[in-house]
Amino acid sequence: MSQKVDQLFGQGPRKVSRAKLVSGLLMAAIPLTVVGLVTCASLPAAGLALYAHLVASDEVRRVSTGELNIDELPRLTKLRRAAFWTMTVCGLSFVLQLVLLSNGFYEGLLS
């Protein structure tokens, strides 16, 4: 009973941050972004980076509502910013890949 009352008034146990999940997603997305021009990996990298950004944004929201400790905020903010820039680079890489494909650059490399 005491545990339920503590949770009701905010004194209950804090949930664990999912910063490790965001870090893992970015560790997979960043190498895929780098090889995105040569292969067709920019789209999966953008998907991973988008999911990392959504999870990081949700974690920042949890900090602002008091569900997580405020100490997590700087790390989560950095991870969210890294996910945003990874998505941006993925998008630019995808556009550049489309331009190179339409200009016949990849066909010239293969012949």
Protein backbone atom coordinates (compact mmCIF):
# COMPACT_ATOMS: atom_id res chain seq x y z
CA MET A 1 0.00 0.00 0.00
CA SER A 2 2.80 2.40 0.89
CA GLN A 3 4.45 1.88 -2.50
CA LYS A 4 1.20 2.80 -4.31
CA VAL A 5 0.86 5.98 -2.24
CA ASP A 6 4.49 6.90 -2.95
CA GLN A 7 3.95 6.40 -6.68
CA LEU A 8 0.79 8.50 -6.55
CA PHE A 9 2.60 11.46 -5.01
CA GLY A 10 5.73 11.18 -7.11
CA GLN A 11 7.96 9.54 -4.54
CA GLY A 12 7.98 6.19 -6.31
CA PRO A 13 10.83 4.59 -8.19
CA ARG A 14 11.98 6.43 -11.29
CA LYS A 15 11.93 4.65 -14.60
CA VAL A 16 15.13 3.95 -16.49
CA SER A 17 16.08 6.13 -19.43
CA ARG A 18 16.24 4.59 -22.90
CA ALA A 19 19.40 6.52 -23.80
CA LYS A 20 21.25 3.25 -24.50
CA LEU A 21 18.65 2.35 -27.12
CA VAL A 22 19.07 5.73 -28.79
CA SER A 23 22.86 5.36 -28.71
CA GLY A 24 22.62 1.90 -30.26
CA LEU A 25 20.34 3.11 -33.03
CA LEU A 26 22.71 5.95 -33.82
CA MET A 27 25.70 3.59 -33.77
CA ALA A 28 23.96 1.62 -36.51
CA ALA A 29 22.66 4.63 -38.45
CA ILE A 30 25.87 6.66 -38.68
CA PRO A 31 27.93 4.00 -40.54
CA LEU A 32 24.99 3.37 -42.85
CA THR A 33 24.89 7.09 -43.56
CA VAL A 34 28.58 7.12 -44.47
CA VAL A 35 28.21 4.30 -46.98
CA GLY A 36 24.88 5.68 -48.19
CA LEU A 37 26.32 7.22 -51.36
CA VAL A 38 27.90 4.03 -52.61
CA THR A 39 25.10 1.67 -51.62
CA CYS A 40 21.39 2.03 -51.05
CA ALA A 41 21.83 2.39 -47.30
CA SER A 42 20.76 6.00 -46.84
CA LEU A 43 17.06 5.17 -46.54
CA PRO A 44 17.44 2.54 -43.77
CA ALA A 45 19.86 4.88 -42.00
CA ALA A 46 17.28 7.66 -42.13
CA GLY A 47 14.68 5.30 -40.67
CA LEU A 48 16.97 4.33 -37.79
CA ALA A 49 17.87 7.97 -37.16
CA LEU A 50 14.20 8.98 -37.21
CA TYR A 51 13.32 6.30 -34.69
CA ALA A 52 16.27 7.39 -32.50
CA HIS A 53 15.06 10.98 -32.66
CA LEU A 54 11.51 9.98 -31.70
CA VAL A 55 12.70 7.91 -28.74
CA ALA A 56 15.03 10.70 -27.58
CA SER A 57 12.22 13.26 -27.85
CA ASP A 58 9.96 11.01 -25.81
CA GLU A 59 12.68 10.67 -23.17
CA VAL A 60 13.11 14.46 -23.00
CA ARG A 61 9.36 14.73 -22.50
CA ARG A 62 9.60 12.20 -19.67
CA VAL A 63 12.30 14.34 -18.04
CA SER A 64 10.12 17.45 -18.31
CA THR A 65 7.18 15.67 -16.66
CA GLY A 66 9.38 14.47 -13.80
CA GLU A 67 9.25 10.80 -14.72
CA LEU A 68 13.05 10.70 -15.19
CA ASN A 69 15.85 12.42 -13.32
CA ILE A 70 16.91 15.83 -14.58
CA ASP A 71 20.50 14.53 -14.78
CA GLU A 72 19.55 12.65 -17.96
CA LEU A 73 18.58 15.80 -19.84
CA PRO A 74 22.02 16.88 -21.22
CA ARG A 75 22.79 13.41 -22.55
CA LEU A 76 19.34 13.03 -24.10
CA THR A 77 19.55 16.47 -25.68
CA LYS A 78 22.90 15.60 -27.28
CA LEU A 79 21.54 12.30 -28.55
CA ARG A 80 18.45 14.00 -29.99
CA ARG A 81 20.64 16.59 -31.72
CA ALA A 82 22.90 13.84 -33.11
CA ALA A 83 19.85 11.97 -34.41
CA PHE A 84 18.56 15.13 -36.08
CA TRP A 85 21.86 15.79 -37.85
CA THR A 86 22.14 12.14 -38.87
CA MET A 87 18.69 12.38 -40.44
CA THR A 88 19.71 15.59 -42.22
CA VAL A 89 22.87 14.04 -43.64
CA CYS A 90 20.87 10.96 -44.66
CA GLY A 91 18.39 13.12 -46.52
CA LEU A 92 21.13 15.05 -48.30
CA SER A 93 22.90 11.80 -49.12
CA PHE A 94 19.70 10.35 -50.53
CA VAL A 95 19.09 13.43 -52.71
CA LEU A 96 22.69 13.38 -53.94
CA GLN A 97 22.38 9.67 -54.68
CA LEU A 98 19.22 10.34 -56.72
CA VAL A 99 20.98 13.08 -58.70
CA LEU A 100 23.98 10.84 -59.40
CA LEU A 101 21.66 8.02 -60.43
CA SER A 102 19.70 10.22 -62.82
CA ASN A 103 22.89 11.64 -64.36
CA GLY A 104 24.22 8.17 -65.14
CA PHE A 105 27.19 8.42 -62.78
CA TYR A 106 26.69 4.93 -61.37
CA GLU A 107 26.28 3.44 -64.87
CA GLY A 108 29.61 5.01 -65.82
CA LEU A 109 31.26 3.40 -62.82
CA LEU A 110 29.96 -0.03 -63.75
CA SER A 111 31.05 0.10 -67.39
